[in-house]
């Protein structure tokens, strides 16, 4: 399998919730986390990762969540 290093920000982004009357209150933009199964040192391990990292894991072939279809000869 291809090597893969997980790099994503550990804190969420902050901003404002804006009402119809344009009142602004603080809010946090949290990451969209998904549970995936990953092979780590020969053992299956469940992890919660953001969707952006999940896409990178799928491309690298690290996760068992989705496998690329085999090319036909």
C-alpha atoms as a PDB file:
ATOM      1  CA  UNK A   1       0.000   0.000   0.000  1.00  0.00           C
ATOM      2  CA  UNK A   2       1.003   3.554  -0.576  1.00  0.00           C
ATOM      3  CA  UNK A   3       2.344   5.571   2.299  1.00  0.00           C
ATOM      4  CA  UNK A   4       0.028   8.164   3.721  1.00  0.00           C
ATOM      5  CA  UNK A   5       0.474  10.888   6.321  1.00  0.00           C
ATOM      6  CA  UNK A   6      -2.596  12.436   7.897  1.00  0.00           C
ATOM      7  CA  UNK A   7      -2.319  16.205   8.036  1.00  0.00           C
ATOM      8  CA  UNK A   8      -5.311  18.349   8.868  1.00  0.00           C
ATOM      9  CA  UNK A   9      -5.939  21.259  11.218  1.00  0.00           C
ATOM     10  CA  UNK A  10      -6.677  20.142  14.768  1.00  0.00           C
ATOM     11  CA  UNK A  11      -8.923  23.110  15.573  1.00  0.00           C
ATOM     12  CA  UNK A  12     -12.158  24.205  13.956  1.00  0.00           C
ATOM     13  CA  UNK A  13     -12.653  27.576  12.328  1.00  0.00           C
ATOM     14  CA  UNK A  14     -14.684  30.260  14.035  1.00  0.00           C
ATOM     15  CA  UNK A  15     -17.036  32.804  12.546  1.00  0.00           C
ATOM     16  CA  UNK A  16     -20.462  34.345  12.954  1.00  0.00           C
ATOM     17  CA  UNK A  17     -23.981  32.991  12.727  1.00  0.00           C
ATOM     18  CA  UNK A  18     -25.981  35.708  10.954  1.00  0.00           C
ATOM     19  CA  UNK A  19     -29.721  35.934  11.518  1.00  0.00           C
ATOM     20  CA  UNK A  20     -32.279  37.352   9.104  1.00  0.00           C
ATOM     21  CA  UNK A  21     -32.045  40.637  11.047  1.00  0.00           C
ATOM     22  CA  UNK A  22     -28.253  40.550  10.520  1.00  0.00           C
ATOM     23  CA  UNK A  23     -27.521  39.933  14.206  1.00  0.00           C
ATOM     24  CA  UNK A  24     -24.140  38.263  14.546  1.00  0.00           C
ATOM     25  CA  UNK A  25     -23.334  35.648  17.175  1.00  0.00           C
ATOM     26  CA  UNK A  26     -20.200  33.527  17.445  1.00  0.00           C
ATOM     27  CA  UNK A  27     -20.199  29.970  16.129  1.00  0.00           C
ATOM     28  CA  UNK A  28     -17.696  27.227  15.327  1.00  0.00           C
ATOM     29  CA  UNK A  29     -17.357  25.593  11.925  1.00  0.00           C
ATOM     30  CA  UNK A  30     -16.704  21.977  12.873  1.00  0.00           C
ATOM     31  CA  UNK A  31     -15.150  19.368  10.606  1.00  0.00           C
ATOM     32  CA  UNK A  32     -17.304  16.810   8.786  1.00  0.00           C
ATOM     33  CA  UNK A  33     -16.008  13.614  10.457  1.00  0.00           C
ATOM     34  CA  UNK A  34     -16.530  10.079   9.133  1.00  0.00           C
ATOM     35  CA  UNK A  35     -15.670   6.746  10.718  1.00  0.00           C
ATOM     36  CA  UNK A  36     -13.415   4.586   8.527  1.00  0.00           C
ATOM     37  CA  UNK A  37     -11.493   1.355   8.934  1.00  0.00           C
ATOM     38  CA  UNK A  38      -7.759   1.639   8.228  1.00  0.00           C
ATOM     39  CA  UNK A  39      -5.032  -1.018   8.198  1.00  0.00           C
ATOM     40  CA  UNK A  40      -2.351   0.150  10.667  1.00  0.00           C
ATOM     41  CA  UNK A  41       0.665  -2.160  11.074  1.00  0.00           C
ATOM     42  CA  UNK A  42      -1.325  -5.149   9.821  1.00  0.00           C
ATOM     43  CA  UNK A  43      -4.300  -4.572  12.141  1.00  0.00           C
ATOM     44  CA  UNK A  44      -7.645  -2.989  11.338  1.00  0.00           C
ATOM     45  CA  UNK A  45      -8.257   0.214  13.250  1.00  0.00           C
ATOM     46  CA  UNK A  46     -11.312   2.450  13.214  1.00  0.00           C
ATOM     47  CA  UNK A  47     -10.658   6.199  12.987  1.00  0.00           C
ATOM     48  CA  UNK A  48     -12.708   9.343  12.682  1.00  0.00           C
ATOM     49  CA  UNK A  49     -11.333  11.514   9.882  1.00  0.00           C
ATOM     50  CA  UNK A  50     -12.560  14.615   8.019  1.00  0.00           C
ATOM     51  CA  UNK A  51     -13.976  14.152   4.530  1.00  0.00           C
ATOM     52  CA  UNK A  52     -10.992  15.863   2.892  1.00  0.00           C
ATOM     53  CA  UNK A  53      -8.613  13.388   4.531  1.00  0.00           C
ATOM     54  CA  UNK A  54     -10.962  10.519   3.621  1.00  0.00           C
ATOM     55  CA  UNK A  55     -10.682  11.472  -0.048  1.00  0.00           C
ATOM     56  CA  UNK A  56      -6.884  11.454   0.208  1.00  0.00           C
ATOM     57  CA  UNK A  57      -6.979   8.059   1.945  1.00  0.00           C
ATOM     58  CA  UNK A  58      -9.175   6.619  -0.805  1.00  0.00           C
ATOM     59  CA  UNK A  59      -6.784   7.874  -3.492  1.00  0.00           C
ATOM     60  CA  UNK A  60      -3.779   6.432  -1.643  1.00  0.00           C
ATOM     61  CA  UNK A  61      -5.587   3.096  -1.132  1.00  0.00           C
ATOM     62  CA  UNK A  62      -5.040   3.166   2.637  1.00  0.00           C
ATOM     63  CA  UNK A  63      -8.647   2.677   3.693  1.00  0.00           C
ATOM     64  CA  UNK A  64     -10.780  -0.431   3.223  1.00  0.00           C
ATOM     65  CA  UNK A  65     -13.758   1.916   2.868  1.00  0.00           C
ATOM     66  CA  UNK A  66     -13.487   1.877  -0.921  1.00  0.00           C
ATOM     67  CA  UNK A  67     -11.203   0.105  -3.386  1.00  0.00           C
ATOM     68  CA  UNK A  68     -10.411   1.175  -6.939  1.00  0.00           C
ATOM     69  CA  UNK A  69     -11.880  -1.159  -9.566  1.00  0.00           C
ATOM     70  CA  UNK A  70      -9.364  -3.392 -11.304  1.00  0.00           C
ATOM     71  CA  UNK A  71      -8.382  -2.395 -14.850  1.00  0.00           C
ATOM     72  CA  UNK A  72      -9.554  -4.810 -17.540  1.00  0.00           C
ATOM     73  CA  UNK A  73      -6.948  -6.227 -19.911  1.00  0.00           C
END
